[in-house]
Amino acid sequence: MARVSGERAPSFSTEELEKLMDGVLPQYTLLYGPPDKQVSAHQKKDIWRAIAKEVRALGVYRRRNTQCRKR
């Protein structure tokens, strides 16, 4: 499952997308809400790190935090 340099990552599976949505929806206002929520970039990184950890736990592919965030 290790990615070779220059090799493209596989598409997200249905299970990965479901897990991603399960992690994002409860945190949506913190991640994408109005700026008056006062959520720091560090807090947002921690949220994305936790979501990516849940997606990686499925064992389909080792997704990075940025891959989950950009999806």
C-alpha atoms as a PDB file:
ATOM      1  CA  MET A   1       0.000   0.000   0.000  1.00  0.00           C
ATOM      2  CA  ALA A   2       2.981   2.303   0.147  1.00  0.00           C
ATOM      3  CA  ARG A   3       2.863   4.874  -2.572  1.00  0.00           C
ATOM      4  CA  VAL A   4       5.669   4.887  -5.115  1.00  0.00           C
ATOM      5  CA  SER A   5       6.962   8.320  -6.068  1.00  0.00           C
ATOM      6  CA  GLY A   6       5.006   9.709  -8.997  1.00  0.00           C
ATOM      7  CA  GLU A   7       2.243   7.140  -8.688  1.00  0.00           C
ATOM      8  CA  ARG A   8      -1.283   8.449  -8.400  1.00  0.00           C
ATOM      9  CA  ALA A   9      -3.356   7.490  -5.367  1.00  0.00           C
ATOM     10  CA  PRO A  10      -6.430   5.353  -6.054  1.00  0.00           C
ATOM     11  CA  SER A  11      -9.878   6.915  -5.979  1.00  0.00           C
ATOM     12  CA  PHE A  12     -11.677   7.020  -2.660  1.00  0.00           C
ATOM     13  CA  SER A  13     -13.768   3.909  -2.093  1.00  0.00           C
ATOM     14  CA  THR A  14     -17.413   4.112  -1.079  1.00  0.00           C
ATOM     15  CA  GLU A  15     -16.488   3.078   2.457  1.00  0.00           C
ATOM     16  CA  GLU A  16     -13.826   5.786   2.674  1.00  0.00           C
ATOM     17  CA  LEU A  17     -16.257   8.435   1.441  1.00  0.00           C
ATOM     18  CA  GLU A  18     -18.878   7.355   3.968  1.00  0.00           C
ATOM     19  CA  LYS A  19     -16.339   7.478   6.803  1.00  0.00           C
ATOM     20  CA  LEU A  20     -15.156  10.885   5.580  1.00  0.00           C
ATOM     21  CA  MET A  21     -18.708  12.236   5.620  1.00  0.00           C
ATOM     22  CA  ASP A  22     -19.332  10.724   9.061  1.00  0.00           C
ATOM     23  CA  GLY A  23     -16.322  12.657  10.334  1.00  0.00           C
ATOM     24  CA  VAL A  24     -16.933  15.951   8.510  1.00  0.00           C
ATOM     25  CA  LEU A  25     -20.662  16.496   9.033  1.00  0.00           C
ATOM     26  CA  PRO A  26     -20.561  16.865  12.851  1.00  0.00           C
ATOM     27  CA  GLN A  27     -17.584  19.255  12.536  1.00  0.00           C
ATOM     28  CA  TYR A  28     -18.834  21.133   9.450  1.00  0.00           C
ATOM     29  CA  THR A  29     -19.504  24.482  11.148  1.00  0.00           C
ATOM     30  CA  LEU A  30     -16.062  24.446  12.772  1.00  0.00           C
ATOM     31  CA  LEU A  31     -14.307  23.584   9.500  1.00  0.00           C
ATOM     32  CA  TYR A  32     -16.297  25.691   7.041  1.00  0.00           C
ATOM     33  CA  GLY A  33     -18.541  27.905   9.152  1.00  0.00           C
ATOM     34  CA  PRO A  34     -18.547  31.670   9.546  1.00  0.00           C
ATOM     35  CA  PRO A  35     -15.297  33.326  10.620  1.00  0.00           C
ATOM     36  CA  ASP A  36     -16.826  34.435  13.922  1.00  0.00           C
ATOM     37  CA  LYS A  37     -16.486  30.853  15.227  1.00  0.00           C
ATOM     38  CA  GLN A  38     -12.853  31.644  16.142  1.00  0.00           C
ATOM     39  CA  VAL A  39     -11.448  28.243  15.252  1.00  0.00           C
ATOM     40  CA  SER A  40      -7.687  28.370  14.863  1.00  0.00           C
ATOM     41  CA  ALA A  41      -5.822  26.738  11.998  1.00  0.00           C
ATOM     42  CA  HIS A  42      -4.218  24.405  14.534  1.00  0.00           C
ATOM     43  CA  GLN A  43      -7.632  23.260  15.782  1.00  0.00           C
ATOM     44  CA  LYS A  44      -8.771  22.654  12.200  1.00  0.00           C
ATOM     45  CA  LYS A  45      -5.627  20.609  11.514  1.00  0.00           C
ATOM     46  CA  ASP A  46      -6.371  18.513  14.590  1.00  0.00           C
ATOM     47  CA  ILE A  47      -9.923  17.891  13.361  1.00  0.00           C
ATOM     48  CA  TRP A  48      -8.664  16.855   9.905  1.00  0.00           C
ATOM     49  CA  ARG A  49      -6.003  14.658  11.496  1.00  0.00           C
ATOM     50  CA  ALA A  50      -8.673  12.802  13.478  1.00  0.00           C
ATOM     51  CA  ILE A  51     -10.903  12.406  10.406  1.00  0.00           C
ATOM     52  CA  ALA A  52      -8.000  11.097   8.294  1.00  0.00           C
ATOM     53  CA  LYS A  53      -7.100   8.644  11.062  1.00  0.00           C
ATOM     54  CA  GLU A  54     -10.630   7.207  10.900  1.00  0.00           C
ATOM     55  CA  VAL A  55     -10.424   6.907   7.104  1.00  0.00           C
ATOM     56  CA  ARG A  56      -7.005   5.213   7.327  1.00  0.00           C
ATOM     57  CA  ALA A  57      -8.388   2.751   9.880  1.00  0.00           C
ATOM     58  CA  LEU A  58     -10.488   1.204   7.111  1.00  0.00           C
ATOM     59  CA  GLY A  59      -7.247  -0.101   5.619  1.00  0.00           C
ATOM     60  CA  VAL A  60      -8.124   0.625   1.987  1.00  0.00           C
ATOM     61  CA  TYR A  61      -5.315   3.132   1.369  1.00  0.00           C
ATOM     62  CA  ARG A  62      -3.153   5.264   3.627  1.00  0.00           C
ATOM     63  CA  ARG A  63      -4.744   8.680   3.058  1.00  0.00           C
ATOM     64  CA  ARG A  64      -2.995  11.828   4.212  1.00  0.00           C
ATOM     65  CA  ASN A  65      -4.789  14.630   6.065  1.00  0.00           C
ATOM     66  CA  THR A  66      -4.602  16.871   3.000  1.00  0.00           C
ATOM     67  CA  GLN A  67      -6.106  14.196   0.752  1.00  0.00           C
ATOM     68  CA  CYS A  68      -9.121  13.948   3.029  1.00  0.00           C
ATOM     69  CA  ARG A  69      -9.423  17.715   3.366  1.00  0.00           C
ATOM     70  CA  LYS A  70      -9.295  18.295  -0.383  1.00  0.00           C
ATOM     71  CA  ARG A  71     -11.760  15.517  -1.121  1.00  0.00           C
END
